[in-house]
Amino acid sequence: MFSKKAIAAYVFGAFLLLGGINHFLKPEFYAPFVPSQISLEFANWSSGILELILGLGLFFSRVRIIAAWGAFCLMLAFLPIHVWDVFRDDPAIGSATAAYIRLPFQFFFILWTWWLAQPETKK
């Protein structure tokens, strides 16, 4: 039987895998989120590869905690982008309302990955 934490890791892993694949299939989707100081190609490739590696890692119990810490760091790294989007005149996510709704999700993702990175306690 799978633990709640394992199931949560699989769900977040799938989320990261889909996001990673999307970076290569639809790089233009991410263009508005990338600050002008960073190369769009570099941002898409590095984010996509990291999301794929970390997403796969969450499926394997031997490396799950390491992958969860990596995902936690990635979610933290993405936080300023979503904060920045809230204050933009033309939010990358589409509208100011969408930006305000999206920001709490980033905090949820940070908490989720932090929880995944904690070792399971034996009962």
N, C-alpha and C. Protein backbone atom coordinates (compact mmCIF):
# COMPACT_ATOMS: atom_id res chain seq x y z
N MET A 1 0.84 -1.19 0.00
CA MET A 1 0.00 0.00 0.00
C MET A 1 0.88 1.24 0.00
N PHE A 2 0.44 2.25 -0.70
CA PHE A 2 1.19 3.49 -0.78
C PHE A 2 0.79 4.41 0.37
N SER A 3 1.78 5.10 0.92
CA SER A 3 1.49 6.09 1.96
C SER A 3 0.92 7.35 1.33
N LYS A 4 0.31 8.19 2.16
CA LYS A 4 -0.20 9.48 1.67
C LYS A 4 0.93 10.31 1.08
N LYS A 5 2.09 10.24 1.72
CA LYS A 5 3.23 11.03 1.26
C LYS A 5 3.72 10.53 -0.11
N ALA A 6 3.74 9.20 -0.29
CA ALA A 6 4.15 8.65 -1.58
C ALA A 6 3.18 9.09 -2.68
N ILE A 7 1.89 9.03 -2.40
CA ILE A 7 0.89 9.46 -3.38
C ILE A 7 1.06 10.94 -3.69
N ALA A 8 1.28 11.76 -2.66
CA ALA A 8 1.50 13.19 -2.87
C ALA A 8 2.76 13.42 -3.69
N ALA A 9 3.79 12.61 -3.49
CA ALA A 9 5.02 12.73 -4.27
C ALA A 9 4.76 12.37 -5.73
N TYR A 10 3.98 11.33 -5.98
CA TYR A 10 3.65 10.95 -7.35
C TYR A 10 2.86 12.05 -8.05
N VAL A 11 1.92 12.64 -7.34
CA VAL A 11 1.11 13.72 -7.93
C VAL A 11 1.99 14.92 -8.26
N PHE A 12 2.84 15.32 -7.30
CA PHE A 12 3.70 16.47 -7.58
C PHE A 12 4.72 16.13 -8.65
N GLY A 13 5.21 14.88 -8.63
CA GLY A 13 6.15 14.44 -9.66
C GLY A 13 5.52 14.53 -11.04
N ALA A 14 4.27 14.09 -11.17
CA ALA A 14 3.57 14.17 -12.45
C ALA A 14 3.39 15.63 -12.88
N PHE A 15 3.07 16.48 -11.92
CA PHE A 15 2.92 17.91 -12.18
C PHE A 15 4.23 18.48 -12.75
N LEU A 16 5.36 18.11 -12.12
CA LEU A 16 6.66 18.59 -12.60
C LEU A 16 7.01 18.01 -13.97
N LEU A 17 6.71 16.74 -14.18
CA LEU A 17 6.99 16.13 -15.48
C LEU A 17 6.21 16.81 -16.60
N LEU A 18 4.93 17.07 -16.34
CA LEU A 18 4.11 17.76 -17.35
C LEU A 18 4.63 19.17 -17.61
N GLY A 19 4.99 19.87 -16.52
CA GLY A 19 5.55 21.22 -16.69
C GLY A 19 6.87 21.18 -17.44
N GLY A 20 7.72 20.21 -17.12
CA GLY A 20 9.00 20.09 -17.80
C GLY A 20 8.84 19.83 -19.29
N ILE A 21 7.93 18.92 -19.63
CA ILE A 21 7.67 18.63 -21.04
C ILE A 21 7.13 19.86 -21.75
N ASN A 22 6.24 20.59 -21.06
CA ASN A 22 5.64 21.79 -21.65
C ASN A 22 6.68 22.87 -21.98
N HIS A 23 7.76 22.92 -21.20
CA HIS A 23 8.82 23.89 -21.48
C HIS A 23 9.41 23.67 -22.87
N PHE A 24 9.41 22.42 -23.34
CA PHE A 24 9.98 22.10 -24.66
C PHE A 24 8.94 22.14 -25.76
N LEU A 25 7.68 21.82 -25.43
CA LEU A 25 6.63 21.82 -26.44
C LEU A 25 6.08 23.22 -26.71
N LYS A 26 5.98 24.04 -25.66
CA LYS A 26 5.39 25.38 -25.79
C LYS A 26 6.25 26.42 -25.07
N PRO A 27 7.48 26.62 -25.51
CA PRO A 27 8.36 27.57 -24.81
C PRO A 27 7.81 29.00 -24.81
N GLU A 28 7.01 29.33 -25.81
CA GLU A 28 6.46 30.68 -25.88
C GLU A 28 5.50 30.97 -24.73
N PHE A 29 4.89 29.94 -24.15
CA PHE A 29 4.00 30.12 -23.01
C PHE A 29 4.74 30.76 -21.83
N TYR A 30 6.01 30.40 -21.66
CA TYR A 30 6.79 30.87 -20.51
C TYR A 30 7.47 32.22 -20.76
N ALA A 31 7.49 32.67 -22.00
CA ALA A 31 8.20 33.91 -22.36
C ALA A 31 7.81 35.10 -21.49
N PRO A 32 6.52 35.34 -21.23
CA PRO A 32 6.16 36.51 -20.42
C PRO A 32 6.63 36.43 -18.96
N PHE A 33 6.92 35.22 -18.48
CA PHE A 33 7.36 35.05 -17.09
C PHE A 33 8.86 35.27 -16.91
N VAL A 34 9.61 35.23 -18.02
CA VAL A 34 11.07 35.30 -17.93
C VAL A 34 11.52 36.76 -17.95
N PRO A 35 12.21 37.18 -16.88
CA PRO A 35 12.73 38.56 -16.86
C PRO A 35 13.67 38.80 -18.04
N SER A 36 13.68 40.02 -18.54
CA SER A 36 14.47 40.35 -19.74
C SER A 36 15.97 40.12 -19.55
N GLN A 37 16.44 40.07 -18.30
CA GLN A 37 17.86 39.86 -18.03
C GLN A 37 18.29 38.41 -18.26
N ILE A 38 17.33 37.51 -18.41
CA ILE A 38 17.62 36.09 -18.56
C ILE A 38 17.22 35.64 -19.96
N SER A 39 18.08 34.86 -20.59
CA SER A 39 17.79 34.31 -21.91
C SER A 39 16.58 33.38 -21.83
N LEU A 40 15.62 33.59 -22.72
CA LEU A 40 14.41 32.76 -22.75
C LEU A 40 14.78 31.30 -23.02
N GLU A 41 15.70 31.09 -23.94
CA GLU A 41 16.12 29.72 -24.25
C GLU A 41 16.76 29.05 -23.03
N PHE A 42 17.64 29.77 -22.35
CA PHE A 42 18.28 29.23 -21.15
C PHE A 42 17.23 28.93 -20.07
N ALA A 43 16.31 29.85 -19.86
CA ALA A 43 15.28 29.67 -18.83
C ALA A 43 14.42 28.44 -19.14
N ASN A 44 14.00 28.29 -20.38
CA ASN A 44 13.17 27.15 -20.75
C ASN A 44 13.92 25.84 -20.63
N TRP A 45 15.12 25.77 -21.15
CA TRP A 45 15.89 24.53 -21.10
C TRP A 45 16.23 24.15 -19.66
N SER A 46 16.74 25.10 -18.90
CA SER A 46 17.15 24.77 -17.54
C SER A 46 15.94 24.40 -16.67
N SER A 47 14.87 25.18 -16.77
CA SER A 47 13.67 24.87 -15.99
C SER A 47 13.07 23.54 -16.43
N GLY A 48 13.00 23.32 -17.72
CA GLY A 48 12.42 22.08 -18.23
C GLY A 48 13.21 20.86 -17.80
N ILE A 49 14.53 20.92 -17.91
CA ILE A 49 15.37 19.79 -17.52
C ILE A 49 15.28 19.55 -16.01
N LEU A 50 15.35 20.64 -15.23
CA LEU A 50 15.23 20.49 -13.78
C LEU A 50 13.89 19.88 -13.38
N GLU A 51 12.82 20.36 -13.98
CA GLU A 51 11.50 19.84 -13.64
C GLU A 51 11.38 18.36 -14.01
N LEU A 52 11.96 17.96 -15.14
CA LEU A 52 11.93 16.56 -15.53
C LEU A 52 12.72 15.68 -14.55
N ILE A 53 13.92 16.12 -14.21
CA ILE A 53 14.77 15.34 -13.29
C ILE A 53 14.11 15.24 -11.91
N LEU A 54 13.65 16.36 -11.40
CA LEU A 54 13.05 16.36 -10.06
C LEU A 54 11.73 15.59 -10.05
N GLY A 55 10.94 15.76 -11.10
CA GLY A 55 9.68 15.03 -11.20
C GLY A 55 9.91 13.53 -11.22
N LEU A 56 10.87 13.07 -12.00
CA LEU A 56 11.20 11.64 -12.01
C LEU A 56 11.69 11.18 -10.64
N GLY A 57 12.53 12.00 -10.01
CA GLY A 57 13.07 11.66 -8.70
C GLY A 57 12.00 11.43 -7.65
N LEU A 58 10.89 12.15 -7.77
CA LEU A 58 9.81 12.00 -6.79
C LEU A 58 9.10 10.65 -6.90
N PHE A 59 9.31 9.95 -7.99
CA PHE A 59 8.70 8.63 -8.16
C PHE A 59 9.51 7.50 -7.52
N PHE A 60 10.73 7.79 -7.13
CA PHE A 60 11.61 6.75 -6.60
C PHE A 60 11.96 7.02 -5.15
N SER A 61 11.57 6.10 -4.27
CA SER A 61 11.74 6.31 -2.83
C SER A 61 13.20 6.52 -2.43
N ARG A 62 14.13 5.92 -3.16
CA ARG A 62 15.55 6.05 -2.80
C ARG A 62 16.07 7.48 -2.94
N VAL A 63 15.49 8.25 -3.84
CA VAL A 63 15.96 9.62 -4.06
C VAL A 63 14.87 10.66 -3.81
N ARG A 64 13.73 10.21 -3.31
CA ARG A 64 12.57 11.10 -3.17
C ARG A 64 12.88 12.33 -2.30
N ILE A 65 13.55 12.16 -1.18
CA ILE A 65 13.81 13.29 -0.29
C ILE A 65 14.74 14.30 -0.98
N ILE A 66 15.74 13.81 -1.69
CA ILE A 66 16.64 14.71 -2.43
C ILE A 66 15.86 15.46 -3.50
N ALA A 67 15.03 14.72 -4.25
CA ALA A 67 14.22 15.35 -5.30
C ALA A 67 13.25 16.36 -4.71
N ALA A 68 12.68 16.04 -3.54
CA ALA A 68 11.74 16.96 -2.89
C ALA A 68 12.45 18.24 -2.46
N TRP A 69 13.67 18.11 -1.93
CA TRP A 69 14.43 19.32 -1.58
C TRP A 69 14.75 20.14 -2.83
N GLY A 70 15.06 19.46 -3.91
CA GLY A 70 15.31 20.16 -5.17
C GLY A 70 14.07 20.89 -5.66
N ALA A 71 12.91 20.20 -5.58
CA ALA A 71 11.65 20.83 -5.99
C ALA A 71 11.31 22.00 -5.07
N PHE A 72 11.59 21.85 -3.78
CA PHE A 72 11.38 22.93 -2.82
C PHE A 72 12.20 24.16 -3.23
N CYS A 73 13.47 23.94 -3.54
CA CYS A 73 14.34 25.06 -3.96
C CYS A 73 13.84 25.67 -5.27
N LEU A 74 13.37 24.84 -6.19
CA LEU A 74 12.85 25.34 -7.45
C LEU A 74 11.60 26.18 -7.23
N MET A 75 10.70 25.72 -6.36
CA MET A 75 9.49 26.48 -6.06
C MET A 75 9.83 27.81 -5.39
N LEU A 76 10.84 27.79 -4.52
CA LEU A 76 11.31 29.05 -3.92
C LEU A 76 11.89 29.98 -4.97
N ALA A 77 12.64 29.42 -5.91
CA ALA A 77 13.25 30.24 -6.97
C ALA A 77 12.18 30.86 -7.87
N PHE A 78 11.05 30.15 -8.06
CA PHE A 78 9.97 30.68 -8.89
C PHE A 78 9.11 31.71 -8.16
N LEU A 79 9.18 31.75 -6.84
CA LEU A 79 8.34 32.66 -6.06
C LEU A 79 8.49 34.13 -6.48
N PRO A 80 9.71 34.66 -6.62
CA PRO A 80 9.82 36.07 -7.01
C PRO A 80 9.16 36.38 -8.35
N ILE A 81 9.16 35.41 -9.25
CA ILE A 81 8.51 35.62 -10.56
C ILE A 81 7.02 35.83 -10.36
N HIS A 82 6.41 35.05 -9.47
CA HIS A 82 4.97 35.16 -9.26
C HIS A 82 4.61 36.41 -8.43
N VAL A 83 5.49 36.80 -7.54
CA VAL A 83 5.29 38.07 -6.81
C VAL A 83 5.40 39.22 -7.79
N TRP A 84 6.42 39.18 -8.63
CA TRP A 84 6.63 40.22 -9.64
C TRP A 84 5.42 40.32 -10.55
N ASP A 85 4.83 39.18 -10.91
CA ASP A 85 3.68 39.17 -11.80
C ASP A 85 2.48 39.89 -11.20
N VAL A 86 2.30 39.79 -9.88
CA VAL A 86 1.19 40.47 -9.20
C VAL A 86 1.29 41.99 -9.38
N PHE A 87 2.51 42.50 -9.40
CA PHE A 87 2.71 43.95 -9.45
C PHE A 87 2.93 44.50 -10.86
N ARG A 88 2.91 43.66 -11.85
CA ARG A 88 3.07 44.12 -13.23
C ARG A 88 1.80 44.78 -13.74
N ASP A 89 1.94 45.74 -14.65
CA ASP A 89 0.77 46.36 -15.27
C ASP A 89 0.03 45.36 -16.16
N ASP A 90 0.81 44.47 -16.80
CA ASP A 90 0.24 43.47 -17.70
C ASP A 90 0.76 42.09 -17.24
N PRO A 91 0.09 41.47 -16.26
CA PRO A 91 0.59 40.20 -15.70
C PRO A 91 0.79 39.12 -16.77
N ALA A 92 1.87 38.39 -16.64
CA ALA A 92 2.19 37.33 -17.59
C ALA A 92 1.14 36.22 -17.58
N ILE A 93 0.53 36.01 -16.43
CA ILE A 93 -0.45 34.92 -16.31
C ILE A 93 -1.78 35.28 -16.98
N GLY A 94 -1.97 36.52 -17.33
CA GLY A 94 -3.17 36.92 -18.07
C GLY A 94 -3.89 38.12 -17.50
N SER A 95 -4.19 38.08 -16.21
CA SER A 95 -4.90 39.21 -15.60
C SER A 95 -4.40 39.40 -14.18
N ALA A 96 -4.71 40.55 -13.62
CA ALA A 96 -4.33 40.81 -12.23
C ALA A 96 -5.02 39.82 -11.30
N THR A 97 -6.27 39.51 -11.59
CA THR A 97 -7.00 38.54 -10.77
C THR A 97 -6.32 37.18 -10.81
N ALA A 98 -5.94 36.73 -11.99
CA ALA A 98 -5.26 35.44 -12.13
C ALA A 98 -3.92 35.45 -11.38
N ALA A 99 -3.22 36.58 -11.43
CA ALA A 99 -1.93 36.69 -10.73
C ALA A 99 -2.13 36.61 -9.22
N TYR A 100 -3.18 37.25 -8.73
CA TYR A 100 -3.48 37.20 -7.29
C TYR A 100 -3.91 35.79 -6.86
N ILE A 101 -4.62 35.10 -7.73
CA ILE A 101 -5.03 33.73 -7.42
C ILE A 101 -3.83 32.78 -7.48
N ARG A 102 -2.95 33.00 -8.45
CA ARG A 102 -1.80 32.10 -8.66
C ARG A 102 -0.78 32.19 -7.52
N LEU A 103 -0.57 33.36 -6.96
CA LEU A 103 0.46 33.55 -5.94
C LEU A 103 0.30 32.64 -4.72
N PRO A 104 -0.89 32.51 -4.13
CA PRO A 104 -1.02 31.58 -2.99
C PRO A 104 -0.70 30.13 -3.36
N PHE A 105 -0.95 29.76 -4.62
CA PHE A 105 -0.61 28.41 -5.05
C PHE A 105 0.90 28.17 -4.96
N GLN A 106 1.68 29.21 -5.26
CA GLN A 106 3.13 29.04 -5.16
C GLN A 106 3.54 28.75 -3.71
N PHE A 107 2.92 29.42 -2.77
CA PHE A 107 3.20 29.13 -1.36
C PHE A 107 2.75 27.71 -1.00
N PHE A 108 1.62 27.29 -1.55
CA PHE A 108 1.15 25.92 -1.34
C PHE A 108 2.16 24.92 -1.89
N PHE A 109 2.70 25.18 -3.10
CA PHE A 109 3.70 24.29 -3.70
C PHE A 109 4.98 24.25 -2.86
N ILE A 110 5.35 25.38 -2.29
CA ILE A 110 6.53 25.42 -1.42
C ILE A 110 6.29 24.57 -0.19
N LEU A 111 5.13 24.72 0.43
CA LEU A 111 4.80 23.89 1.60
C LEU A 111 4.71 22.41 1.25
N TRP A 112 4.11 22.12 0.13
CA TRP A 112 3.96 20.74 -0.32
C TRP A 112 5.32 20.08 -0.48
N THR A 113 6.24 20.74 -1.17
CA THR A 113 7.56 20.15 -1.39
C THR A 113 8.37 20.08 -0.11
N TRP A 114 8.19 21.06 0.78
CA TRP A 114 8.88 20.99 2.08
C TRP A 114 8.39 19.75 2.85
N TRP A 115 7.08 19.53 2.85
CA TRP A 115 6.52 18.36 3.54
C TRP A 115 7.04 17.06 2.92
N LEU A 116 7.13 17.02 1.59
CA LEU A 116 7.65 15.83 0.93
C LEU A 116 9.10 15.56 1.30
N ALA A 117 9.83 16.62 1.59
CA ALA A 117 11.26 16.48 1.91
C ALA A 117 11.51 15.99 3.34
N GLN A 118 10.47 15.98 4.16
CA GLN A 118 10.62 15.51 5.54
C GLN A 118 10.57 13.98 5.56
N PRO A 119 11.48 13.35 6.29
CA PRO A 119 11.46 11.88 6.36
C PRO A 119 10.16 11.39 6.97
N GLU A 120 9.68 10.26 6.48
CA GLU A 120 8.46 9.67 7.04
C GLU A 120 8.79 9.06 8.39
N THR A 121 7.90 9.26 9.32
CA THR A 121 8.10 8.67 10.64
C THR A 121 7.40 7.32 10.68
N LYS A 122 8.05 6.38 11.29
CA LYS A 122 7.47 5.04 11.43
C LYS A 122 6.46 5.05 12.56
N LYS A 123 5.33 4.39 12.37
CA LYS A 123 4.29 4.33 13.40
C LYS A 123 4.46 3.09 14.23
